[in-house]
């Protein structure tokens, strides 16, 4: 398998070419949506149906990041998500979370049926073996049943080695997320929405009748701005400091064995997501997720992708990797997603974040809530779920831990610069962060091409670390990522890593 195939999402490999729209610098629109993933496109579709003038911009192209890299599961059973939320939130918020995801799922099912998007209906399972994981699953069962989910306890599943307790929820959905993106894009265009690619929003400023957004293609003014970018690109809301950027791998395998009928997620370590899909070229492929980590923090990685391959070979003999990719999403410190104003003083800028790797149903729920907010309408579940309730002691403790970890990563970055070493690997890539005079410089060699860029993330000054698996520079503070040449890929940073001048070989160390 080629290196490019191994790093590209199975879904995106067969995507249709994207023809970007355009706009005139200085023009005005009703609503500017930043981000053409599922949240942005669903929101734009809903607003345009209501008669709003909408312009969508994206730094890359529709579905380029998390939306086009997901497992494709549209499920209301999400591991032990309800018990996670219940650690920080009252039970009414847990029920509202289920109501939000149910509303999102219903909207999407209606949409994909009407647009003939292929999907399969199958049971979803959460699996637990250890006593601690079984206790969590029992709590999930109680919370889910109280919220109206027809969960079943079962002891046996197709994954015979996962013996313990399983929760089952029937009639959940699996789809090709890029097929959904393409259908939403077609719907938006039919409604008169322009979708612009290769256009990064860098700043938004208040104006007498709305906002002025600065982009890499010029200025746009709008009555409202919606940031549907995974994590809000505007730092003044402080959302980057109240969550983690998490990244995990997903590998598609050709396998001679029988297809797995259900969609599985294990709670015990190492955690695994397992399902079979035939939604690309009709060939049944086994999808296995794992190798999760906080972005840029290798010491926080639970395992390597080789460990995922070994696990898969053990349980699915003959499985051969066909494609492997990574996806990034964000979790909030109180485990509940947030959809609403950037901060209380700027209610004309709306954001959506914290989907914790369950972005398909949550994206549709966010779109419904954002459209309602734009029109001054209320959704009872949205008010309950997305309303922030202050900071109880448990949440304050978690915020302190998270930001102490960020401070520790900042210190580690400085130490890496001062003790620079060559991170050469058997693949032939070399990467190094070092001091060039007083400037931290990141240099790497990829495909025989040498790159030298600033090692300082333009977001908040973190020292980037080399990601050998994906050949990128990743910031361990808040999850910004950059290509070998410094080009921004994703995260809260708005700009690239600046080019560093060639090293002066006569300079004294």
Protein backbone atom coordinates (compact mmCIF):
# COMPACT_ATOMS: atom_id res chain seq x y z
CA UNK A 1 0.00 0.00 0.00
CA UNK A 2 1.35 3.45 -0.89
CA UNK A 3 2.10 5.98 1.84
CA UNK A 4 -0.52 8.38 0.43
CA UNK A 5 -3.22 5.69 0.45
CA UNK A 6 -2.31 4.78 4.01
CA UNK A 7 -2.81 8.37 5.13
CA UNK A 8 -6.04 9.19 3.31
CA UNK A 9 -9.54 8.43 4.53
CA UNK A 10 -11.21 5.53 2.78
CA UNK A 11 -14.24 7.76 2.21
CA UNK A 12 -12.25 10.64 0.71
CA UNK A 13 -10.33 8.44 -1.73
CA UNK A 14 -13.39 8.22 -3.99
CA UNK A 15 -14.78 11.72 -3.38
CA UNK A 16 -16.01 13.81 -6.27
CA UNK A 17 -13.88 16.80 -7.36
CA UNK A 18 -14.87 19.96 -5.50
CA UNK A 19 -15.54 23.07 -7.57
CA UNK A 20 -15.23 26.06 -5.29
CA UNK A 21 -17.51 29.05 -5.50
CA UNK A 22 -16.21 32.60 -5.19
CA UNK A 23 -17.04 35.95 -3.63
CA UNK A 24 -16.04 39.55 -4.16
CA UNK A 25 -13.87 40.96 -1.35
CA UNK A 26 -15.94 43.38 0.69
CA UNK A 27 -19.31 41.85 -0.17
CA UNK A 28 -22.01 41.34 2.45
CA UNK A 29 -24.01 38.25 3.35
CA UNK A 30 -26.66 37.43 5.92
CA UNK A 31 -24.83 34.56 7.65
CA UNK A 32 -21.19 33.59 7.20
CA UNK A 33 -20.55 29.94 8.10
CA UNK A 34 -16.88 29.11 8.69
CA UNK A 35 -16.26 25.40 8.15
CA UNK A 36 -17.75 23.09 5.50
CA UNK A 37 -17.92 19.91 7.53
CA UNK A 38 -21.20 18.33 8.54
CA UNK A 39 -22.05 20.98 11.14
CA UNK A 40 -21.44 23.85 8.76
CA UNK A 41 -23.26 22.32 5.78
CA UNK A 42 -26.28 21.20 7.82
CA UNK A 43 -26.54 24.65 9.41
CA UNK A 44 -26.23 26.35 6.02
CA UNK A 45 -28.91 24.06 4.57
CA UNK A 46 -31.36 24.79 7.40
CA UNK A 47 -30.78 28.55 7.24
CA UNK A 48 -31.13 28.64 3.46
CA UNK A 49 -34.38 26.68 3.66
CA UNK A 50 -35.63 29.40 6.01
CA UNK A 51 -34.75 32.09 3.46
CA UNK A 52 -31.43 33.34 4.84
CA UNK A 53 -28.59 34.40 2.59
CA UNK A 54 -25.66 32.13 3.51
CA UNK A 55 -22.01 31.98 2.51
CA UNK A 56 -19.82 29.03 3.60
CA UNK A 57 -16.03 29.12 3.59
CA UNK A 58 -13.55 26.36 4.39
CA UNK A 59 -9.77 26.36 4.69
CA UNK A 60 -9.60 23.20 2.57
CA UNK A 61 -12.71 21.61 1.00
CA UNK A 62 -16.00 20.12 2.29
CA UNK A 63 -15.39 17.09 4.49
CA UNK A 64 -11.60 17.49 4.43
CA UNK A 65 -11.08 16.88 8.14
CA UNK A 66 -13.16 15.22 10.89
CA UNK A 67 -16.39 14.86 8.90
CA UNK A 68 -14.74 12.91 6.10
CA UNK A 69 -12.57 10.87 8.46
CA UNK A 70 -15.13 9.43 10.87
CA UNK A 71 -16.30 5.84 11.22
CA UNK A 72 -19.63 6.77 9.63
CA UNK A 73 -21.64 5.65 12.67
CA UNK A 74 -24.91 7.52 13.25
CA UNK A 75 -25.73 5.93 16.58
CA UNK A 76 -27.47 6.86 19.82
CA UNK A 77 -25.43 4.25 21.69
CA UNK A 78 -22.03 5.88 22.06
CA UNK A 79 -19.84 3.73 24.28
CA UNK A 80 -20.33 5.09 27.80
CA UNK A 81 -20.92 8.67 26.74
CA UNK A 82 -23.96 9.19 28.98
CA UNK A 83 -22.12 8.05 32.09
CA UNK A 84 -19.22 10.36 31.15
CA UNK A 85 -21.58 13.34 30.94
CA UNK A 86 -23.28 12.32 34.20
CA UNK A 87 -19.96 12.68 36.05
CA UNK A 88 -20.18 16.45 35.55
CA UNK A 89 -23.79 17.23 34.71
CA UNK A 90 -27.25 16.73 36.26
CA UNK A 91 -29.41 13.98 34.83
CA UNK A 92 -31.57 16.45 32.91
CA UNK A 93 -28.53 17.26 30.77
CA UNK A 94 -27.99 13.56 30.05
CA UNK A 95 -31.61 13.27 28.89
CA UNK A 96 -31.21 16.42 26.78
CA UNK A 97 -28.10 14.93 25.17
CA UNK A 98 -30.11 11.87 24.12
CA UNK A 99 -32.93 14.11 22.86
CA UNK A 100 -30.44 16.21 20.87
CA UNK A 101 -28.83 13.19 19.24
CA UNK A 102 -32.23 11.65 18.54
CA UNK A 103 -33.35 14.88 16.83
CA UNK A 104 -30.10 14.95 14.84
CA UNK A 105 -30.42 11.31 13.84
CA UNK A 106 -34.06 11.74 12.78
CA UNK A 107 -33.20 14.78 10.66
CA UNK A 108 -30.34 12.97 8.96
CA UNK A 109 -32.31 9.78 8.30
CA UNK A 110 -35.06 11.82 6.65
CA UNK A 111 -32.45 13.68 4.60
CA UNK A 112 -30.47 10.66 3.42
CA UNK A 113 -33.64 8.79 2.48
CA UNK A 114 -34.85 11.74 0.42
CA UNK A 115 -31.45 12.10 -1.32
CA UNK A 116 -30.90 8.36 -1.90
CA UNK A 117 -27.69 8.30 0.14
CA UNK A 118 -26.73 4.65 0.70
CA UNK A 119 -26.75 3.47 4.28
CA UNK A 120 -27.21 0.31 6.31
CA UNK A 121 -29.31 -0.24 9.43
CA UNK A 122 -27.67 -2.41 12.07
CA UNK A 123 -27.33 -2.91 15.83
CA UNK A 124 -24.77 -0.95 17.85
CA UNK A 125 -22.96 -2.50 20.81
CA UNK A 126 -20.92 -1.22 23.76
CA UNK A 127 -18.72 -3.92 25.31
CA UNK A 128 -17.10 -4.29 28.75
CA UNK A 129 -14.96 -7.00 30.38
CA UNK A 130 -13.36 -5.61 33.54
CA UNK A 131 -15.42 -4.95 36.70
CA UNK A 132 -14.87 -1.19 36.40
CA UNK A 133 -15.96 -1.12 32.75
CA UNK A 134 -18.99 -3.32 33.52
CA UNK A 135 -20.01 -0.89 36.28
CA UNK A 136 -19.83 1.98 33.76
CA UNK A 137 -21.91 0.03 31.29
CA UNK A 138 -24.52 -0.76 33.95
CA UNK A 139 -24.71 2.98 34.68
CA UNK A 140 -25.02 3.65 30.95
CA UNK A 141 -27.92 1.20 30.78
CA UNK A 142 -29.77 2.94 33.62
CA UNK A 143 -29.18 6.42 32.16
CA UNK A 144 -30.08 5.37 28.62
CA UNK A 145 -33.29 3.61 29.63
CA UNK A 146 -34.31 6.63 31.72
CA UNK A 147 -33.77 8.81 28.64
CA UNK A 148 -35.96 6.56 26.48
CA UNK A 149 -33.36 4.44 24.69
CA UNK A 150 -34.51 0.80 24.27
CA UNK A 151 -31.15 -0.61 25.38
CA UNK A 152 -30.73 -4.35 25.89
CA UNK A 153 -28.23 -6.16 28.10
CA UNK A 154 -26.65 -9.10 26.28
CA UNK A 155 -23.85 -11.51 27.16
CA UNK A 156 -22.86 -12.90 23.76
CA UNK A 157 -21.97 -11.09 20.55
CA UNK A 158 -20.09 -11.82 17.32
CA UNK A 159 -16.87 -10.77 19.07
CA UNK A 160 -16.61 -13.95 21.10
CA UNK A 161 -13.40 -12.90 22.86
CA UNK A 162 -15.15 -9.86 24.40
CA UNK A 163 -16.88 -11.79 27.18
CA UNK A 164 -18.50 -9.75 29.91
CA UNK A 165 -21.43 -7.39 29.45
CA UNK A 166 -22.69 -5.76 26.27
CA UNK A 167 -25.36 -3.16 25.63
CA UNK A 168 -27.23 -3.41 22.35
CA UNK A 169 -29.29 -0.80 20.54
CA UNK A 170 -31.02 -1.90 17.35
CA UNK A 171 -31.74 0.02 14.15
CA UNK A 172 -28.74 2.35 14.19
CA UNK A 173 -27.20 3.73 11.01
CA UNK A 174 -23.92 3.34 9.16
CA UNK A 175 -23.14 5.51 6.14
CA UNK A 176 -20.30 6.85 4.04
CA UNK A 177 -19.76 10.30 5.59
CA UNK A 178 -18.40 11.76 2.34
CA UNK A 179 -21.56 10.66 0.52
CA UNK A 180 -23.49 12.62 3.15
CA UNK A 181 -21.19 15.62 2.68
CA UNK A 182 -21.71 15.49 -1.09
CA UNK A 183 -25.50 15.33 -0.69
CA UNK A 184 -25.50 18.27 1.72
CA UNK A 185 -23.25 20.25 -0.62
CA UNK A 186 -25.65 19.63 -3.52
CA UNK A 187 -28.61 20.67 -1.34
CA UNK A 188 -26.85 23.87 -0.25
CA UNK A 189 -26.04 24.82 -3.82
CA UNK A 190 -29.59 24.11 -4.94
CA UNK A 191 -30.73 26.55 -2.24
CA UNK A 192 -28.36 29.26 -3.46
CA UNK A 193 -25.62 28.80 -0.86
CA UNK A 194 -22.11 29.46 -2.13
CA UNK A 195 -19.42 27.17 -0.68
CA UNK A 196 -15.87 28.49 -0.97
CA UNK A 197 -12.79 26.29 -0.52
CA UNK A 198 -9.16 27.20 0.18
CA UNK A 199 -10.35 30.18 2.21
CA UNK A 200 -9.23 30.54 5.84
CA UNK A 201 -10.95 32.95 8.23
CA UNK A 202 -8.28 34.73 10.29
CA UNK A 203 -10.21 37.32 12.33
CA UNK A 204 -13.72 38.64 13.00
CA UNK A 205 -14.41 42.19 14.20
CA UNK A 206 -17.70 43.82 15.28
CA UNK A 207 -19.24 46.40 12.92
CA UNK A 208 -22.31 48.63 13.38
CA UNK A 209 -24.56 46.22 11.47
CA UNK A 210 -22.85 42.91 12.13
CA UNK A 211 -19.31 41.68 11.69
CA UNK A 212 -16.34 41.97 9.38
CA UNK A 213 -14.49 38.73 8.75
CA UNK A 214 -10.95 38.77 7.43
CA UNK A 215 -10.08 35.81 5.23
CA UNK A 216 -7.22 34.75 3.01
CA UNK A 217 -9.42 35.72 0.04
CA UNK A 218 -10.46 39.11 1.35
CA UNK A 219 -13.00 40.67 3.68
CA UNK A 220 -16.61 39.52 4.10
CA UNK A 221 -19.22 41.32 6.16
CA UNK A 222 -22.15 39.48 7.69
CA UNK A 223 -24.99 39.98 10.11
CA UNK A 224 -24.03 36.73 11.87
CA UNK A 225 -20.97 34.50 11.93
CA UNK A 226 -21.05 30.79 12.76
CA UNK A 227 -17.80 28.97 13.56
CA UNK A 228 -18.31 25.31 12.65
CA UNK A 229 -14.62 24.46 12.81
CA UNK A 230 -14.31 21.70 15.40
CA UNK A 231 -12.81 24.12 17.89
CA UNK A 232 -13.66 27.82 17.54
CA UNK A 233 -11.04 29.62 15.49
CA UNK A 234 -11.50 32.80 17.56
CA UNK A 235 -9.43 32.56 20.72
CA UNK A 236 -11.25 35.29 22.62
CA UNK A 237 -13.96 32.84 23.59
CA UNK A 238 -11.37 30.82 25.53
CA UNK A 239 -12.78 27.50 24.35
CA UNK A 240 -9.29 26.18 23.54
CA UNK A 241 -8.50 26.24 27.27
CA UNK A 242 -11.57 24.23 28.24
CA UNK A 243 -11.00 21.04 26.34
CA UNK A 244 -8.62 18.59 24.69
CA UNK A 245 -7.82 17.93 21.05
CA UNK A 246 -7.97 14.17 20.59
CA UNK A 247 -6.76 12.18 17.61
CA UNK A 248 -7.29 8.53 16.79
CA UNK A 249 -6.61 6.15 13.93
CA UNK A 250 -9.01 4.16 11.77
CA UNK A 251 -7.78 1.34 9.55
CA UNK A 252 -9.63 -0.44 6.76
CA UNK A 253 -8.65 -4.09 6.25
CA UNK A 254 -9.41 -6.58 3.53
CA UNK A 255 -10.26 -9.81 5.30
CA UNK A 256 -11.13 -13.32 4.13
CA UNK A 257 -13.47 -13.86 7.10
CA UNK A 258 -17.18 -13.22 7.43
CA UNK A 259 -18.48 -9.67 7.74
CA UNK A 260 -19.24 -8.29 11.18
CA UNK A 261 -22.93 -7.41 11.30
CA UNK A 262 -22.94 -5.06 14.30
CA UNK A 263 -21.10 -1.84 15.14
CA UNK A 264 -18.92 -2.39 18.22
CA UNK A 265 -17.09 -0.18 20.70
CA UNK A 266 -15.09 -1.58 23.62
CA UNK A 267 -14.69 0.25 26.93
CA UNK A 268 -11.66 -1.68 28.19
CA UNK A 269 -8.16 -0.78 27.09
CA UNK A 270 -7.02 -1.05 24.43
CA UNK A 271 -10.24 0.47 23.14
CA UNK A 272 -11.47 -0.66 19.77
CA UNK A 273 -14.14 0.41 17.32
CA UNK A 274 -15.05 -2.49 15.00
CA UNK A 275 -17.47 -2.71 12.08
CA UNK A 276 -17.65 -3.87 8.47
CA UNK A 277 -18.56 -1.63 5.54
CA UNK A 278 -19.25 -2.25 1.86
CA UNK A 279 -20.06 1.39 1.08
CA UNK A 280 -16.89 1.95 -0.98
CA UNK A 281 -16.64 -0.02 -4.25
CA UNK A 282 -18.92 -2.73 -2.81
CA UNK A 283 -16.01 -4.66 -1.25
CA UNK A 284 -16.59 -5.64 2.40
CA UNK A 285 -13.88 -4.01 4.49
CA UNK A 286 -13.25 -4.33 8.20
CA UNK A 287 -12.83 -0.98 9.99
CA UNK A 288 -10.87 -0.99 13.25
CA UNK A 289 -10.32 2.16 15.28
CA UNK A 290 -7.69 2.67 17.94
CA UNK A 291 -4.34 4.35 18.76
CA UNK A 292 -5.95 7.36 20.42
CA UNK A 293 -3.93 10.24 21.87
CA UNK A 294 -4.02 13.90 22.78
CA UNK A 295 -2.62 15.77 19.77
CA UNK A 296 1.14 16.35 19.90
CA UNK A 297 1.66 14.43 23.13
CA UNK A 298 3.28 11.14 22.26
CA UNK A 299 3.59 10.23 25.92
CA UNK A 300 -0.22 10.38 26.07
CA UNK A 301 -0.69 7.88 23.22
CA UNK A 302 -2.29 4.68 24.45
CA UNK A 303 -0.59 2.56 21.75
CA UNK A 304 0.89 2.52 18.29
CA UNK A 305 -0.85 1.73 15.03
CA UNK A 306 1.28 -1.42 14.84
CA UNK A 307 -0.49 -2.59 18.01
CA UNK A 308 -3.82 -2.11 16.22
CA UNK A 309 -2.56 -4.23 13.32
CA UNK A 310 -1.38 -6.93 15.74
CA UNK A 311 -4.72 -6.95 17.55
CA UNK A 312 -6.61 -7.18 14.27
CA UNK A 313 -4.40 -10.00 12.97
CA UNK A 314 -5.02 -11.94 16.19
CA UNK A 315 -8.79 -11.66 16.08
CA UNK A 316 -9.32 -11.50 12.29
CA UNK A 317 -6.69 -13.82 10.75
CA UNK A 318 -5.64 -12.84 7.27
CA UNK A 319 -6.69 -9.20 7.60
CA UNK A 320 -4.57 -6.97 5.33
CA UNK A 321 -4.39 -3.18 5.82
CA UNK A 322 -5.78 -1.29 2.86
CA UNK A 323 -6.07 2.24 4.19
CA UNK A 324 -5.27 4.00 7.45
CA UNK A 325 -6.12 7.53 8.47
CA UNK A 326 -6.58 9.73 11.50
CA UNK A 327 -9.35 12.03 12.62
CA UNK A 328 -9.34 14.82 15.20
CA UNK A 329 -12.13 15.98 17.47
CA UNK A 330 -12.49 17.95 20.68
CA UNK A 331 -13.85 17.14 24.12
CA UNK A 332 -14.96 19.70 26.67
CA UNK A 333 -13.87 19.48 30.30
CA UNK A 334 -17.45 18.85 31.47
CA UNK A 335 -18.01 16.26 28.68
CA UNK A 336 -21.09 18.02 27.27
CA UNK A 337 -20.95 19.59 23.78
CA UNK A 338 -21.36 23.34 23.52
CA UNK A 339 -23.43 25.18 20.92
CA UNK A 340 -24.09 28.88 21.45
CA UNK A 341 -22.50 32.33 21.58
CA UNK A 342 -18.72 32.62 21.37
CA UNK A 343 -19.00 34.29 24.77
CA UNK A 344 -21.79 36.18 26.56
CA UNK A 345 -20.68 39.52 25.12
CA UNK A 346 -20.76 38.41 21.46
CA UNK A 347 -24.02 36.69 20.76
CA UNK A 348 -23.80 37.39 17.04
CA UNK A 349 -20.93 34.91 16.73
CA UNK A 350 -22.08 31.35 17.32
CA UNK A 351 -19.89 28.27 17.79
CA UNK A 352 -20.23 24.50 18.05
CA UNK A 353 -17.63 22.29 19.71
CA UNK A 354 -17.02 19.32 22.00
CA UNK A 355 -18.56 16.42 20.04
CA UNK A 356 -16.00 13.95 21.51
CA UNK A 357 -15.74 11.80 18.36
CA UNK A 358 -19.53 11.43 17.99
CA UNK A 359 -19.83 14.12 15.38
CA UNK A 360 -22.49 12.87 12.95
CA UNK A 361 -25.59 12.96 15.16
CA UNK A 362 -24.13 15.84 17.18
CA UNK A 363 -23.45 17.83 14.01
CA UNK A 364 -27.10 17.60 12.98
CA UNK A 365 -28.24 18.51 16.50
CA UNK A 366 -25.88 21.49 16.46
CA UNK A 367 -27.21 22.58 13.07
CA UNK A 368 -30.78 22.49 14.37
CA UNK A 369 -29.78 24.47 17.46
CA UNK A 370 -27.72 27.04 15.53
CA UNK A 371 -30.52 27.68 13.03
CA UNK A 372 -32.95 28.13 15.92
CA UNK A 373 -30.60 30.61 17.62
CA UNK A 374 -30.21 32.67 14.44
CA UNK A 375 -33.98 32.99 14.21
CA UNK A 376 -34.48 33.68 17.91
CA UNK A 377 -36.28 30.40 18.46
CA UNK A 378 -35.90 27.97 21.33
CA UNK A 379 -35.43 24.21 21.44
CA UNK A 380 -35.99 22.82 24.91
CA UNK A 381 -33.29 20.17 24.67
CA UNK A 382 -30.81 22.71 23.27
CA UNK A 383 -31.43 25.13 26.13
CA UNK A 384 -30.88 22.36 28.67
CA UNK A 385 -27.89 20.71 27.00
CA UNK A 386 -25.85 23.68 25.84
CA UNK A 387 -26.47 26.07 28.74
CA UNK A 388 -23.36 26.38 30.90
CA UNK A 389 -23.89 25.98 34.64
CA UNK A 390 -20.81 27.53 36.20
CA UNK A 391 -17.90 25.56 37.53
CA UNK A 392 -18.59 23.02 40.30
CA UNK A 393 -15.50 21.74 42.18
CA UNK A 394 -15.10 18.64 40.00
CA UNK A 395 -15.00 20.74 36.82
CA UNK A 396 -12.60 23.29 38.33
CA UNK A 397 -10.27 20.42 39.27
CA UNK A 398 -10.44 19.02 35.74
CA UNK A 399 -9.73 22.45 34.22
CA UNK A 400 -6.72 22.87 36.50
CA UNK A 401 -5.37 19.45 35.49
CA UNK A 402 -5.87 20.14 31.79
CA UNK A 403 -4.12 23.51 31.88
CA UNK A 404 -1.31 22.20 34.08
CA UNK A 405 -0.78 19.56 31.40
CA UNK A 406 -0.62 22.34 28.80
CA UNK A 407 1.96 24.19 30.91
CA UNK A 408 3.97 20.98 31.26
CA UNK A 409 3.90 20.47 27.48
CA UNK A 410 5.15 24.03 27.02
CA UNK A 411 8.08 23.28 29.33
CA UNK A 412 8.79 20.00 27.53
CA UNK A 413 8.89 21.89 24.24
CA UNK A 414 11.57 24.22 25.55
CA UNK A 415 13.52 21.22 26.86
CA UNK A 416 13.31 19.52 23.47
CA UNK A 417 14.75 22.61 21.80
CA UNK A 418 17.62 22.87 24.26
CA UNK A 419 18.37 19.16 24.05
CA UNK A 420 17.71 18.78 20.34
CA UNK A 421 18.13 15.32 18.89
CA UNK A 422 17.54 13.78 15.49
CA UNK A 423 14.23 11.93 15.28
CA UNK A 424 15.23 9.84 12.26
CA UNK A 425 13.07 6.78 11.74
CA UNK A 426 13.35 3.54 9.73
CA UNK A 427 11.01 5.08 7.15
CA UNK A 428 13.79 7.45 6.12
CA UNK A 429 12.16 10.62 7.42
CA UNK A 430 14.20 12.87 9.68
CA UNK A 431 12.88 15.58 11.96
CA UNK A 432 14.53 17.88 14.47
CA UNK A 433 13.55 20.87 16.60
CA UNK A 434 16.59 22.99 17.46
CA UNK A 435 17.79 26.49 18.25
CA UNK A 436 19.09 28.56 15.36
CA UNK A 437 20.61 31.41 17.28
CA UNK A 438 17.70 32.35 19.53
CA UNK A 439 15.00 31.02 17.18
CA UNK A 440 13.44 27.58 17.67
CA UNK A 441 13.45 25.95 14.24
CA UNK A 442 11.72 22.77 13.08
CA UNK A 443 13.39 20.96 10.21
CA UNK A 444 12.46 17.75 8.48
CA UNK A 445 13.12 15.78 5.32
CA UNK A 446 10.11 14.23 3.59
CA UNK A 447 10.26 12.62 0.18
CA UNK A 448 13.81 13.88 -0.27
CA UNK A 449 12.75 17.50 0.28
CA UNK A 450 14.19 19.47 3.20
CA UNK A 451 11.99 21.89 5.13
CA UNK A 452 12.93 24.52 7.73
CA UNK A 453 10.15 26.39 9.52
CA UNK A 454 9.58 28.16 12.80
CA UNK A 455 8.97 25.66 15.60
CA UNK A 456 6.68 28.12 17.41
CA UNK A 457 2.93 27.60 16.95
CA UNK A 458 1.32 30.94 16.00
CA UNK A 459 -1.64 30.25 18.29
CA UNK A 460 -0.11 30.57 21.76
CA UNK A 461 3.58 29.91 21.22
CA UNK A 462 3.81 26.16 21.84
CA UNK A 463 6.81 24.29 20.46
CA UNK A 464 5.61 21.85 17.82
CA UNK A 465 6.48 18.14 17.86
CA UNK A 466 7.00 15.85 14.88
CA UNK A 467 4.22 13.36 14.14
CA UNK A 468 5.98 10.54 12.30
CA UNK A 469 2.78 8.61 11.64
CA UNK A 470 1.20 11.46 9.69
CA UNK A 471 4.30 13.47 8.69
CA UNK A 472 3.12 16.66 10.34
CA UNK A 473 4.17 19.19 12.98
CA UNK A 474 1.67 19.07 15.85
CA UNK A 475 1.30 21.54 18.70
CA UNK A 476 0.86 19.76 22.05
CA UNK A 477 -0.83 22.74 23.69
CA UNK A 478 -4.17 22.97 21.87
CA UNK A 479 -3.99 20.66 18.86
CA UNK A 480 -2.97 22.84 15.91
CA UNK A 481 -1.33 20.85 13.12
CA UNK A 482 0.93 21.84 10.23
CA UNK A 483 2.33 20.19 7.08
CA UNK A 484 6.12 19.61 6.80
CA UNK A 485 6.47 22.95 4.98
CA UNK A 486 4.58 24.75 7.78
CA UNK A 487 1.21 25.06 6.04
CA UNK A 488 -1.60 25.02 8.59
CA UNK A 489 -3.79 21.91 8.48
CA UNK A 490 -6.21 22.35 11.38
CA UNK A 491 -6.68 23.53 14.95
CA UNK A 492 -7.05 26.94 16.61
CA UNK A 493 -3.97 28.46 14.93
CA UNK A 494 -4.96 30.85 12.15
CA UNK A 495 -1.67 31.04 10.30
CA UNK A 496 1.15 28.84 9.02
CA UNK A 497 4.50 28.14 10.63
CA UNK A 498 6.69 30.81 9.09
CA UNK A 499 9.58 29.77 6.89
CA UNK A 500 12.98 29.82 8.58
CA UNK A 501 16.00 31.17 6.69
CA UNK A 502 18.73 28.69 5.69
CA UNK A 503 21.08 27.90 8.51
CA UNK A 504 24.29 29.89 8.59
CA UNK A 505 26.92 27.18 8.82
CA UNK A 506 29.47 29.75 10.00
CA UNK A 507 27.32 30.74 12.95
CA UNK A 508 28.74 29.82 16.34
CA UNK A 509 26.55 27.47 18.39
